[in-house]
Amino acid sequence: MAYQDMMDKAFTVYYDRFQELNALSKETAVTRSELFPDAETMADADAMHKMLSMNIVKRVGMNKYWLDEKRAADGKGVLKQRILIIVIAVILGLTFGILKRMGILNF
């Protein structure tokens, strides 16, 4: 539950903004300029990048976004995704290291 609390604390302002704009489905997705009418800060851009990478915020086309409330409420699912990515990266790193040591890969 601590991971969910951490996510909620970091992203509540953004969740609230999506809810205010009713950007909760593909059909009601909004642009970044609608999300940040007073200009997007570096912190906003970083938070959007993180929410997109966690699939909490989904993209429609090239420039519209919406909040997946079900995914935002599933802290365990997001944490599992993060752990899986780390495990895959470690496995790939080890595999490349072994193949390089065996002389199969030379780069």
PDB file of N, CA and C in Angstrom:
ATOM      1  N   MET A   1       0.821  -1.205   0.000  1.00  0.00           N
ATOM      2  CA  MET A   1       0.000   0.000   0.000  1.00  0.00           C
ATOM      3  C   MET A   1       0.865   1.271   0.000  1.00  0.00           C
ATOM      4  N   ALA A   2       2.089   1.173   0.443  1.00  0.00           N
ATOM      5  CA  ALA A   2       2.965   2.333   0.498  1.00  0.00           C
ATOM      6  C   ALA A   2       3.241   2.890  -0.901  1.00  0.00           C
ATOM      7  N   TYR A   3       3.376   1.997  -1.902  1.00  0.00           N
ATOM      8  CA  TYR A   3       3.635   2.455  -3.272  1.00  0.00           C
ATOM      9  C   TYR A   3       2.431   3.233  -3.797  1.00  0.00           C
ATOM     10  N   GLN A   4       1.226   2.754  -3.497  1.00  0.00           N
ATOM     11  CA  GLN A   4       0.011   3.465  -3.919  1.00  0.00           C
ATOM     12  C   GLN A   4      -0.042   4.844  -3.280  1.00  0.00           C
ATOM     13  N   ASP A   5       0.293   4.921  -2.004  1.00  0.00           N
ATOM     14  CA  ASP A   5       0.298   6.215  -1.305  1.00  0.00           C
ATOM     15  C   ASP A   5       1.312   7.167  -1.933  1.00  0.00           C
ATOM     16  N   MET A   6       2.487   6.631  -2.276  1.00  0.00           N
ATOM     17  CA  MET A   6       3.523   7.443  -2.902  1.00  0.00           C
ATOM     18  C   MET A   6       3.040   7.987  -4.254  1.00  0.00           C
ATOM     19  N   MET A   7       2.404   7.112  -5.051  1.00  0.00           N
ATOM     20  CA  MET A   7       1.880   7.545  -6.347  1.00  0.00           C
ATOM     21  C   MET A   7       0.808   8.607  -6.169  1.00  0.00           C
ATOM     22  N   ASP A   8      -0.113   8.366  -5.242  1.00  0.00           N
ATOM     23  CA  ASP A   8      -1.190   9.327  -5.007  1.00  0.00           C
ATOM     24  C   ASP A   8      -0.633  10.684  -4.577  1.00  0.00           C
ATOM     25  N   LYS A   9       0.363  10.664  -3.715  1.00  0.00           N
ATOM     26  CA  LYS A   9       0.956  11.905  -3.238  1.00  0.00           C
ATOM     27  C   LYS A   9       1.639  12.663  -4.380  1.00  0.00           C
ATOM     28  N   ALA A  10       2.322  11.931  -5.240  1.00  0.00           N
ATOM     29  CA  ALA A  10       3.057  12.571  -6.336  1.00  0.00           C
ATOM     30  C   ALA A  10       2.145  13.087  -7.437  1.00  0.00           C
ATOM     31  N   PHE A  11       1.037  12.395  -7.687  1.00  0.00           N
ATOM     32  CA  PHE A  11       0.234  12.684  -8.875  1.00  0.00           C
ATOM     33  C   PHE A  11      -1.173  13.212  -8.603  1.00  0.00           C
ATOM     34  N   THR A  12      -1.567  13.393  -7.359  1.00  0.00           N
ATOM     35  CA  THR A  12      -2.938  13.823  -7.043  1.00  0.00           C
ATOM     36  C   THR A  12      -3.330  15.102  -7.764  1.00  0.00           C
ATOM     37  N   VAL A  13      -2.424  16.058  -7.834  1.00  0.00           N
ATOM     38  CA  VAL A  13      -2.716  17.328  -8.513  1.00  0.00           C
ATOM     39  C   VAL A  13      -3.088  17.058  -9.972  1.00  0.00           C
ATOM     40  N   TYR A  14      -2.373  16.139 -10.600  1.00  0.00           N
ATOM     41  CA  TYR A  14      -2.622  15.821 -12.010  1.00  0.00           C
ATOM     42  C   TYR A  14      -3.906  15.014 -12.165  1.00  0.00           C
ATOM     43  N   TYR A  15      -4.133  14.054 -11.255  1.00  0.00           N
ATOM     44  CA  TYR A  15      -5.383  13.286 -11.287  1.00  0.00           C
ATOM     45  C   TYR A  15      -6.564  14.248 -11.205  1.00  0.00           C
ATOM     46  N   ASP A  16      -6.470  15.201 -10.272  1.00  0.00           N
ATOM     47  CA  ASP A  16      -7.556  16.172 -10.078  1.00  0.00           C
ATOM     48  C   ASP A  16      -7.793  16.995 -11.335  1.00  0.00           C
ATOM     49  N   ARG A  17      -6.715  17.396 -11.989  1.00  0.00           N
ATOM     50  CA  ARG A  17      -6.843  18.218 -13.205  1.00  0.00           C
ATOM     51  C   ARG A  17      -7.526  17.435 -14.322  1.00  0.00           C
ATOM     52  N   PHE A  18      -7.142  16.169 -14.517  1.00  0.00           N
ATOM     53  CA  PHE A  18      -7.802  15.333 -15.519  1.00  0.00           C
ATOM     54  C   PHE A  18      -9.288  15.181 -15.184  1.00  0.00           C
ATOM     55  N   GLN A  19      -9.596  14.991 -13.904  1.00  0.00           N
ATOM     56  CA  GLN A  19     -10.998  14.829 -13.493  1.00  0.00           C
ATOM     57  C   GLN A  19     -11.794  16.114 -13.695  1.00  0.00           C
ATOM     58  N   GLU A  20     -11.186  17.258 -13.392  1.00  0.00           N
ATOM     59  CA  GLU A  20     -11.853  18.552 -13.619  1.00  0.00           C
ATOM     60  C   GLU A  20     -12.231  18.730 -15.086  1.00  0.00           C
ATOM     61  N   LEU A  21     -11.340  18.277 -15.974  1.00  0.00           N
ATOM     62  CA  LEU A  21     -11.569  18.413 -17.415  1.00  0.00           C
ATOM     63  C   LEU A  21     -12.373  17.250 -17.988  1.00  0.00           C
ATOM     64  N   ASN A  22     -12.728  16.291 -17.128  1.00  0.00           N
ATOM     65  CA  ASN A  22     -13.450  15.082 -17.534  1.00  0.00           C
ATOM     66  C   ASN A  22     -12.684  14.303 -18.614  1.00  0.00           C
ATOM     67  N   ALA A  23     -11.371  14.329 -18.539  1.00  0.00           N
ATOM     68  CA  ALA A  23     -10.514  13.615 -19.493  1.00  0.00           C
ATOM     69  C   ALA A  23     -10.249  12.212 -18.950  1.00  0.00           C
ATOM     70  N   LEU A  24     -11.304  11.391 -18.960  1.00  0.00           N
ATOM     71  CA  LEU A  24     -11.251  10.078 -18.329  1.00  0.00           C
ATOM     72  C   LEU A  24     -11.485   8.939 -19.310  1.00  0.00           C
ATOM     73  N   SER A  25     -11.469   9.264 -20.612  1.00  0.00           N
ATOM     74  CA  SER A  25     -11.629   8.240 -21.649  1.00  0.00           C
ATOM     75  C   SER A  25     -11.018   8.759 -22.949  1.00  0.00           C
ATOM     76  N   LYS A  26     -10.885   7.864 -23.915  1.00  0.00           N
ATOM     77  CA  LYS A  26     -10.340   8.263 -25.223  1.00  0.00           C
ATOM     78  C   LYS A  26     -11.173   9.373 -25.843  1.00  0.00           C
ATOM     79  N   GLU A  27     -12.468   9.268 -25.657  1.00  0.00           N
ATOM     80  CA  GLU A  27     -13.393  10.215 -26.288  1.00  0.00           C
ATOM     81  C   GLU A  27     -13.305  11.617 -25.693  1.00  0.00           C
ATOM     82  N   THR A  28     -12.856  11.707 -24.442  1.00  0.00           N
ATOM     83  CA  THR A  28     -12.807  13.011 -23.775  1.00  0.00           C
ATOM     84  C   THR A  28     -11.366  13.470 -23.511  1.00  0.00           C
ATOM     85  N   ALA A  29     -10.406  12.894 -24.216  1.00  0.00           N
ATOM     86  CA  ALA A  29      -8.994  13.232 -24.036  1.00  0.00           C
ATOM     87  C   ALA A  29      -8.756  14.711 -24.322  1.00  0.00           C
ATOM     88  N   VAL A  30      -7.738  15.259 -23.656  1.00  0.00           N
ATOM     89  CA  VAL A  30      -7.426  16.686 -23.793  1.00  0.00           C
ATOM     90  C   VAL A  30      -5.960  16.866 -24.193  1.00  0.00           C
ATOM     91  N   THR A  31      -5.657  18.054 -24.690  1.00  0.00           N
ATOM     92  CA  THR A  31      -4.270  18.373 -25.071  1.00  0.00           C
ATOM     93  C   THR A  31      -3.500  18.845 -23.838  1.00  0.00           C
ATOM     94  N   ARG A  32      -2.196  18.908 -23.979  1.00  0.00           N
ATOM     95  CA  ARG A  32      -1.367  19.400 -22.877  1.00  0.00           C
ATOM     96  C   ARG A  32      -1.664  20.871 -22.593  1.00  0.00           C
ATOM     97  N   SER A  33      -1.960  21.632 -23.626  1.00  0.00           N
ATOM     98  CA  SER A  33      -2.266  23.052 -23.387  1.00  0.00           C
ATOM     99  C   SER A  33      -3.571  23.207 -22.607  1.00  0.00           C
ATOM    100  N   GLU A  34      -4.483  22.270 -22.760  1.00  0.00           N
ATOM    101  CA  GLU A  34      -5.703  22.301 -21.949  1.00  0.00           C
ATOM    102  C   GLU A  34      -5.398  21.892 -20.505  1.00  0.00           C
ATOM    103  N   LEU A  35      -4.503  20.920 -20.341  1.00  0.00           N
ATOM    104  CA  LEU A  35      -4.122  20.482 -18.996  1.00  0.00           C
ATOM    105  C   LEU A  35      -3.361  21.563 -18.243  1.00  0.00           C
ATOM    106  N   PHE A  36      -2.503  22.273 -18.969  1.00  0.00           N
ATOM    107  CA  PHE A  36      -1.636  23.279 -18.353  1.00  0.00           C
ATOM    108  C   PHE A  36      -1.843  24.628 -19.038  1.00  0.00           C
ATOM    109  N   PRO A  37      -2.973  25.280 -18.803  1.00  0.00           N
ATOM    110  CA  PRO A  37      -3.266  26.534 -19.500  1.00  0.00           C
ATOM    111  C   PRO A  37      -2.313  27.673 -19.156  1.00  0.00           C
ATOM    112  N   ASP A  38      -1.660  27.590 -17.997  1.00  0.00           N
ATOM    113  CA  ASP A  38      -0.715  28.644 -17.584  1.00  0.00           C
ATOM    114  C   ASP A  38       0.719  28.278 -17.921  1.00  0.00           C
ATOM    115  N   ALA A  39       0.906  27.378 -18.870  1.00  0.00           N
ATOM    116  CA  ALA A  39       2.225  26.893 -19.322  1.00  0.00           C
ATOM    117  C   ALA A  39       2.667  25.690 -18.498  1.00  0.00           C
ATOM    118  N   GLU A  40       3.237  24.751 -19.196  1.00  0.00           N
ATOM    119  CA  GLU A  40       3.704  23.510 -18.586  1.00  0.00           C
ATOM    120  C   GLU A  40       5.114  23.707 -18.033  1.00  0.00           C
ATOM    121  N   THR A  41       5.294  23.366 -16.761  1.00  0.00           N
ATOM    122  CA  THR A  41       6.606  23.489 -16.134  1.00  0.00           C
ATOM    123  C   THR A  41       7.416  22.212 -16.366  1.00  0.00           C
ATOM    124  N   MET A  42       8.677  22.255 -16.003  1.00  0.00           N
ATOM    125  CA  MET A  42       9.529  21.061 -16.106  1.00  0.00           C
ATOM    126  C   MET A  42       8.989  19.952 -15.199  1.00  0.00           C
ATOM    127  N   ALA A  43       8.480  20.324 -14.021  1.00  0.00           N
ATOM    128  CA  ALA A  43       7.906  19.343 -13.095  1.00  0.00           C
ATOM    129  C   ALA A  43       6.668  18.696 -13.708  1.00  0.00           C
ATOM    130  N   ASP A  44       5.850  19.503 -14.402  1.00  0.00           N
ATOM    131  CA  ASP A  44       4.658  18.964 -15.079  1.00  0.00           C
ATOM    132  C   ASP A  44       5.073  17.983 -16.167  1.00  0.00           C
ATOM    133  N   ALA A  45       6.065  18.348 -16.956  1.00  0.00           N
ATOM    134  CA  ALA A  45       6.532  17.485 -18.042  1.00  0.00           C
ATOM    135  C   ALA A  45       7.080  16.176 -17.486  1.00  0.00           C
ATOM    136  N   ASP A  46       7.816  16.253 -16.375  1.00  0.00           N
ATOM    137  CA  ASP A  46       8.368  15.061 -15.749  1.00  0.00           C
ATOM    138  C   ASP A  46       7.252  14.156 -15.217  1.00  0.00           C
ATOM    139  N   ALA A  47       6.262  14.750 -14.563  1.00  0.00           N
ATOM    140  CA  ALA A  47       5.141  13.965 -14.038  1.00  0.00           C
ATOM    141  C   ALA A  47       4.357  13.306 -15.168  1.00  0.00           C
ATOM    142  N   MET A  48       4.126  14.044 -16.251  1.00  0.00           N
ATOM    143  CA  MET A  48       3.420  13.467 -17.402  1.00  0.00           C
ATOM    144  C   MET A  48       4.210  12.295 -17.982  1.00  0.00           C
ATOM    145  N   HIS A  49       5.520  12.461 -18.102  1.00  0.00           N
ATOM    146  CA  HIS A  49       6.360  11.383 -18.623  1.00  0.00           C
ATOM    147  C   HIS A  49       6.243  10.137 -17.738  1.00  0.00           C
ATOM    148  N   LYS A  50       6.294  10.325 -16.435  1.00  0.00           N
ATOM    149  CA  LYS A  50       6.187   9.202 -15.502  1.00  0.00           C
ATOM    150  C   LYS A  50       4.808   8.550 -15.575  1.00  0.00           C
ATOM    151  N   MET A  51       3.755   9.355 -15.621  1.00  0.00           N
ATOM    152  CA  MET A  51       2.403   8.787 -15.680  1.00  0.00           C
ATOM    153  C   MET A  51       2.177   8.047 -16.994  1.00  0.00           C
ATOM    154  N   LEU A  52       2.734   8.564 -18.078  1.00  0.00           N
ATOM    155  CA  LEU A  52       2.634   7.875 -19.366  1.00  0.00           C
ATOM    156  C   LEU A  52       3.382   6.547 -19.335  1.00  0.00           C
ATOM    157  N   SER A  53       4.570   6.540 -18.738  1.00  0.00           N
ATOM    158  CA  SER A  53       5.357   5.307 -18.698  1.00  0.00           C
ATOM    159  C   SER A  53       4.718   4.251 -17.810  1.00  0.00           C
ATOM    160  N   MET A  54       3.903   4.661 -16.861  1.00  0.00           N
ATOM    161  CA  MET A  54       3.207   3.726 -15.973  1.00  0.00           C
ATOM    162  C   MET A  54       1.834   3.337 -16.522  1.00  0.00           C
ATOM    163  N   ASN A  55       1.469   3.906 -17.664  1.00  0.00           N
ATOM    164  CA  ASN A  55       0.153   3.693 -18.283  1.00  0.00           C
ATOM    165  C   ASN A  55      -1.000   4.217 -17.437  1.00  0.00           C
ATOM    166  N   ILE A  56      -0.711   5.163 -16.564  1.00  0.00           N
ATOM    167  CA  ILE A  56      -1.761   5.826 -15.789  1.00  0.00           C
ATOM    168  C   ILE A  56      -2.451   6.847 -16.687  1.00  0.00           C
ATOM    169  N   VAL A  57      -1.640   7.554 -17.449  1.00  0.00           N
ATOM    170  CA  VAL A  57      -2.151   8.477 -18.464  1.00  0.00           C
ATOM    171  C   VAL A  57      -1.918   7.818 -19.815  1.00  0.00           C
ATOM    172  N   LYS A  58      -2.930   7.852 -20.650  1.00  0.00           N
ATOM    173  CA  LYS A  58      -2.827   7.224 -21.965  1.00  0.00           C
ATOM    174  C   LYS A  58      -2.915   8.303 -23.037  1.00  0.00           C
ATOM    175  N   ARG A  59      -2.241   8.026 -24.135  1.00  0.00           N
ATOM    176  CA  ARG A  59      -2.183   8.972 -25.251  1.00  0.00           C
ATOM    177  C   ARG A  59      -3.202   8.554 -26.314  1.00  0.00           C
ATOM    178  N   VAL A  60      -3.832   9.554 -26.906  1.00  0.00           N
ATOM    179  CA  VAL A  60      -4.719   9.343 -28.048  1.00  0.00           C
ATOM    180  C   VAL A  60      -4.144  10.162 -29.188  1.00  0.00           C
ATOM    181  N   GLY A  61      -3.776   9.499 -30.254  1.00  0.00           N
ATOM    182  CA  GLY A  61      -3.155  10.214 -31.365  1.00  0.00           C
ATOM    183  C   GLY A  61      -1.819  10.771 -30.943  1.00  0.00           C
ATOM    184  N   MET A  62      -1.493  11.924 -31.462  1.00  0.00           N
ATOM    185  CA  MET A  62      -0.187  12.518 -31.170  1.00  0.00           C
ATOM    186  C   MET A  62      -0.198  13.479 -29.984  1.00  0.00           C
ATOM    187  N   ASN A  63      -1.336  14.073 -29.681  1.00  0.00           N
ATOM    188  CA  ASN A  63      -1.269  15.142 -28.671  1.00  0.00           C
ATOM    189  C   ASN A  63      -2.463  15.222 -27.727  1.00  0.00           C
ATOM    190  N   LYS A  64      -3.153  14.120 -27.506  1.00  0.00           N
ATOM    191  CA  LYS A  64      -4.259  14.144 -26.547  1.00  0.00           C
ATOM    192  C   LYS A  64      -4.034  13.064 -25.504  1.00  0.00           C
ATOM    193  N   TYR A  65      -4.478  13.351 -24.271  1.00  0.00           N
ATOM    194  CA  TYR A  65      -4.203  12.482 -23.145  1.00  0.00           C
ATOM    195  C   TYR A  65      -5.445  12.319 -22.280  1.00  0.00           C
ATOM    196  N   TRP A  66      -5.527  11.155 -21.625  1.00  0.00           N
ATOM    197  CA  TRP A  66      -6.618  10.915 -20.686  1.00  0.00           C
ATOM    198  C   TRP A  66      -6.121  10.071 -19.521  1.00  0.00           C
ATOM    199  N   LEU A  67      -6.789  10.200 -18.388  1.00  0.00           N
ATOM    200  CA  LEU A  67      -6.427   9.500 -17.161  1.00  0.00           C
ATOM    201  C   LEU A  67      -7.179   8.183 -17.083  1.00  0.00           C
ATOM    202  N   ASP A  68      -6.443   7.084 -16.936  1.00  0.00           N
ATOM    203  CA  ASP A  68      -7.042   5.771 -16.710  1.00  0.00           C
ATOM    204  C   ASP A  68      -7.179   5.605 -15.200  1.00  0.00           C
ATOM    205  N   GLU A  69      -8.351   5.926 -14.670  1.00  0.00           N
ATOM    206  CA  GLU A  69      -8.557   5.915 -13.224  1.00  0.00           C
ATOM    207  C   GLU A  69      -8.377   4.523 -12.624  1.00  0.00           C
ATOM    208  N   LYS A  70      -8.756   3.513 -13.376  1.00  0.00           N
ATOM    209  CA  LYS A  70      -8.598   2.137 -12.882  1.00  0.00           C
ATOM    210  C   LYS A  70      -7.119   1.821 -12.690  1.00  0.00           C
ATOM    211  N   ARG A  71      -6.300   2.204 -13.643  1.00  0.00           N
ATOM    212  CA  ARG A  71      -4.856   1.966 -13.554  1.00  0.00           C
ATOM    213  C   ARG A  71      -4.240   2.823 -12.445  1.00  0.00           C
ATOM    214  N   ALA A  72      -4.698   4.052 -12.295  1.00  0.00           N
ATOM    215  CA  ALA A  72      -4.183   4.939 -11.258  1.00  0.00           C
ATOM    216  C   ALA A  72      -4.450   4.382  -9.860  1.00  0.00           C
ATOM    217  N   ALA A  73      -5.549   3.669  -9.702  1.00  0.00           N
ATOM    218  CA  ALA A  73      -5.911   3.092  -8.407  1.00  0.00           C
ATOM    219  C   ALA A  73      -5.234   1.744  -8.154  1.00  0.00           C
ATOM    220  N   ASP A  74      -4.532   1.203  -9.158  1.00  0.00           N
ATOM    221  CA  ASP A  74      -3.913  -0.113  -9.044  1.00  0.00           C
ATOM    222  C   ASP A  74      -2.405   0.008  -8.816  1.00  0.00           C
ATOM    223  N   GLY A  75      -2.036   0.425  -7.622  1.00  0.00           N
ATOM    224  CA  GLY A  75      -0.624   0.592  -7.294  1.00  0.00           C
ATOM    225  C   GLY A  75       0.158  -0.697  -7.413  1.00  0.00           C
ATOM    226  N   LYS A  76      -0.455  -1.819  -7.059  1.00  0.00           N
ATOM    227  CA  LYS A  76       0.231  -3.109  -7.170  1.00  0.00           C
ATOM    228  C   LYS A  76       0.535  -3.447  -8.625  1.00  0.00           C
ATOM    229  N   GLY A  77      -0.385  -3.143  -9.513  1.00  0.00           N
ATOM    230  CA  GLY A  77      -0.176  -3.403 -10.937  1.00  0.00           C
ATOM    231  C   GLY A  77       0.971  -2.579 -11.493  1.00  0.00           C
ATOM    232  N   VAL A  78       1.031  -1.319 -11.091  1.00  0.00           N
ATOM    233  CA  VAL A  78       2.108  -0.432 -11.549  1.00  0.00           C
ATOM    234  C   VAL A  78       3.444  -0.917 -10.995  1.00  0.00           C
ATOM    235  N   LEU A  79       3.455  -1.287  -9.721  1.00  0.00           N
ATOM    236  CA  LEU A  79       4.694  -1.778  -9.106  1.00  0.00           C
ATOM    237  C   LEU A  79       5.155  -3.076  -9.768  1.00  0.00           C
ATOM    238  N   LYS A  80       4.224  -3.975 -10.057  1.00  0.00           N
ATOM    239  CA  LYS A  80       4.566  -5.225 -10.748  1.00  0.00           C
ATOM    240  C   LYS A  80       5.183  -4.933 -12.114  1.00  0.00           C
ATOM    241  N   GLN A  81       4.627  -3.964 -12.834  1.00  0.00           N
ATOM    242  CA  GLN A  81       5.166  -3.589 -14.138  1.00  0.00           C
ATOM    243  C   GLN A  81       6.602  -3.081 -13.986  1.00  0.00           C
ATOM    244  N   ARG A  82       6.849  -2.240 -13.001  1.00  0.00           N
ATOM    245  CA  ARG A  82       8.187  -1.696 -12.770  1.00  0.00           C
ATOM    246  C   ARG A  82       9.179  -2.809 -12.433  1.00  0.00           C
ATOM    247  N   ILE A  83       8.786  -3.727 -11.574  1.00  0.00           N
ATOM    248  CA  ILE A  83       9.668  -4.842 -11.195  1.00  0.00           C
ATOM    249  C   ILE A  83       9.942  -5.723 -12.403  1.00  0.00           C
ATOM    250  N   LEU A  84       8.925  -5.989 -13.205  1.00  0.00           N
ATOM    251  CA  LEU A  84       9.102  -6.811 -14.405  1.00  0.00           C
ATOM    252  C   LEU A  84      10.101  -6.175 -15.369  1.00  0.00           C
ATOM    253  N   ILE A  85      10.016  -4.878 -15.544  1.00  0.00           N
ATOM    254  CA  ILE A  85      10.952  -4.168 -16.427  1.00  0.00           C
ATOM    255  C   ILE A  85      12.385  -4.314 -15.907  1.00  0.00           C
ATOM    256  N   ILE A  86      12.563  -4.199 -14.603  1.00  0.00           N
ATOM    257  CA  ILE A  86      13.904  -4.342 -14.019  1.00  0.00           C
ATOM    258  C   ILE A  86      14.427  -5.768 -14.207  1.00  0.00           C
ATOM    259  N   VAL A  87      13.574  -6.767 -13.970  1.00  0.00           N
ATOM    260  CA  VAL A  87      13.982  -8.166 -14.134  1.00  0.00           C
ATOM    261  C   VAL A  87      14.381  -8.432 -15.585  1.00  0.00           C
ATOM    262  N   ILE A  88      13.602  -7.953 -16.530  1.00  0.00           N
ATOM    263  CA  ILE A  88      13.914  -8.151 -17.952  1.00  0.00           C
ATOM    264  C   ILE A  88      15.241  -7.477 -18.302  1.00  0.00           C
ATOM    265  N   ALA A  89      15.457  -6.278 -17.791  1.00  0.00           N
ATOM    266  CA  ALA A  89      16.713  -5.567 -18.063  1.00  0.00           C
ATOM    267  C   ALA A  89      17.908  -6.341 -17.508  1.00  0.00           C
ATOM    268  N   VAL A  90      17.774  -6.886 -16.318  1.00  0.00           N
ATOM    269  CA  VAL A  90      18.864  -7.665 -15.720  1.00  0.00           C
ATOM    270  C   VAL A  90      19.132  -8.913 -16.553  1.00  0.00           C
ATOM    271  N   ILE A  91      18.080  -9.618 -16.954  1.00  0.00           N
ATOM    272  CA  ILE A  91      18.233 -10.831 -17.768  1.00  0.00           C
ATOM    273  C   ILE A  91      18.916 -10.498 -19.095  1.00  0.00           C
ATOM    274  N   LEU A  92      18.475  -9.432 -19.754  1.00  0.00           N
ATOM    275  CA  LEU A  92      19.102  -9.029 -21.018  1.00  0.00           C
ATOM    276  C   LEU A  92      20.572  -8.654 -20.817  1.00  0.00           C
ATOM    277  N   GLY A  93      20.856  -7.935 -19.752  1.00  0.00           N
ATOM    278  CA  GLY A  93      22.238  -7.556 -19.467  1.00  0.00           C
ATOM    279  C   GLY A  93      23.122  -8.770 -19.239  1.00  0.00           C
ATOM    280  N   LEU A  94      22.621  -9.702 -18.460  1.00  0.00           N
ATOM    281  CA  LEU A  94      23.380 -10.928 -18.217  1.00  0.00           C
ATOM    282  C   LEU A  94      23.577 -11.726 -19.502  1.00  0.00           C
ATOM    283  N   THR A  95      22.531 -11.817 -20.305  1.00  0.00           N
ATOM    284  CA  THR A  95      22.613 -12.555 -21.569  1.00  0.00           C
ATOM    285  C   THR A  95      23.643 -11.935 -22.494  1.00  0.00           C
ATOM    286  N   PHE A  96      23.612 -10.621 -22.643  1.00  0.00           N
ATOM    287  CA  PHE A  96      24.593  -9.949 -23.495  1.00  0.00           C
ATOM    288  C   PHE A  96      26.006 -10.138 -22.943  1.00  0.00           C
ATOM    289  N   GLY A  97      26.149 -10.048 -21.629  1.00  0.00           N
ATOM    290  CA  GLY A  97      27.453 -10.247 -21.022  1.00  0.00           C
ATOM    291  C   GLY A  97      28.002 -11.640 -21.277  1.00  0.00           C
ATOM    292  N   ILE A  98      27.145 -12.648 -21.139  1.00  0.00           N
ATOM    293  CA  ILE A  98      27.566 -14.035 -21.381  1.00  0.00           C
ATOM    294  C   ILE A  98      27.918 -14.243 -22.855  1.00  0.00           C
ATOM    295  N   LEU A  99      27.073 -13.723 -23.746  1.00  0.00           N
ATOM    296  CA  LEU A  99      27.340 -13.886 -25.177  1.00  0.00           C
ATOM    297  C   LEU A  99      28.625 -13.168 -25.591  1.00  0.00           C
ATOM    298  N   LYS A 100      28.885 -12.014 -24.987  1.00  0.00           N
ATOM    299  CA  LYS A 100      30.122 -11.291 -25.301  1.00  0.00           C
ATOM    300  C   LYS A 100      31.333 -12.060 -24.782  1.00  0.00           C
ATOM    301  N   ARG A 101      31.235 -12.575 -23.588  1.00  0.00           N
ATOM    302  CA  ARG A 101      32.341 -13.335 -22.993  1.00  0.00           C
ATOM    303  C   ARG A 101      32.634 -14.606 -23.797  1.00  0.00           C
ATOM    304  N   MET A 102      31.571 -15.210 -24.368  1.00  0.00           N
ATOM    305  CA  MET A 102      31.747 -16.429 -25.181  1.00  0.00           C
ATOM    306  C   MET A 102      32.271 -16.097 -26.579  1.00  0.00           C
ATOM    307  N   GLY A 103      32.313 -14.816 -26.915  1.00  0.00           N
ATOM    308  CA  GLY A 103      32.812 -14.421 -28.225  1.00  0.00           C
ATOM    309  C   GLY A 103      31.742 -14.413 -29.303  1.00  0.00           C
ATOM    310  N   ILE A 104      30.506 -14.636 -28.929  1.00  0.00           N
ATOM    311  CA  ILE A 104      29.412 -14.651 -29.908  1.00  0.00           C
ATOM    312  C   ILE A 104      29.048 -13.228 -30.326  1.00  0.00           C
ATOM    313  N   LEU A 105      29.098 -12.304 -29.392  1.00  0.00           N
ATOM    314  CA  LEU A 105      28.860 -10.888 -29.700  1.00  0.00           C
ATOM    315  C   LEU A 105      30.160 -10.125 -29.550  1.00  0.00           C
ATOM    316  N   ASN A 106      30.440  -9.309 -30.513  1.00  0.00           N
ATOM    317  CA  ASN A 106      31.649  -8.484 -30.470  1.00  0.00           C
ATOM    318  C   ASN A 106      31.273  -7.037 -30.768  1.00  0.00           C
ATOM    319  N   PHE A 107      31.117  -6.255 -29.752  1.00  0.00           N
ATOM    320  CA  PHE A 107      30.848  -4.828 -29.938  1.00  0.00           C
ATOM    321  C   PHE A 107      31.478  -4.018 -28.864  1.00  0.00           C
TER     322      PHE A 107
END
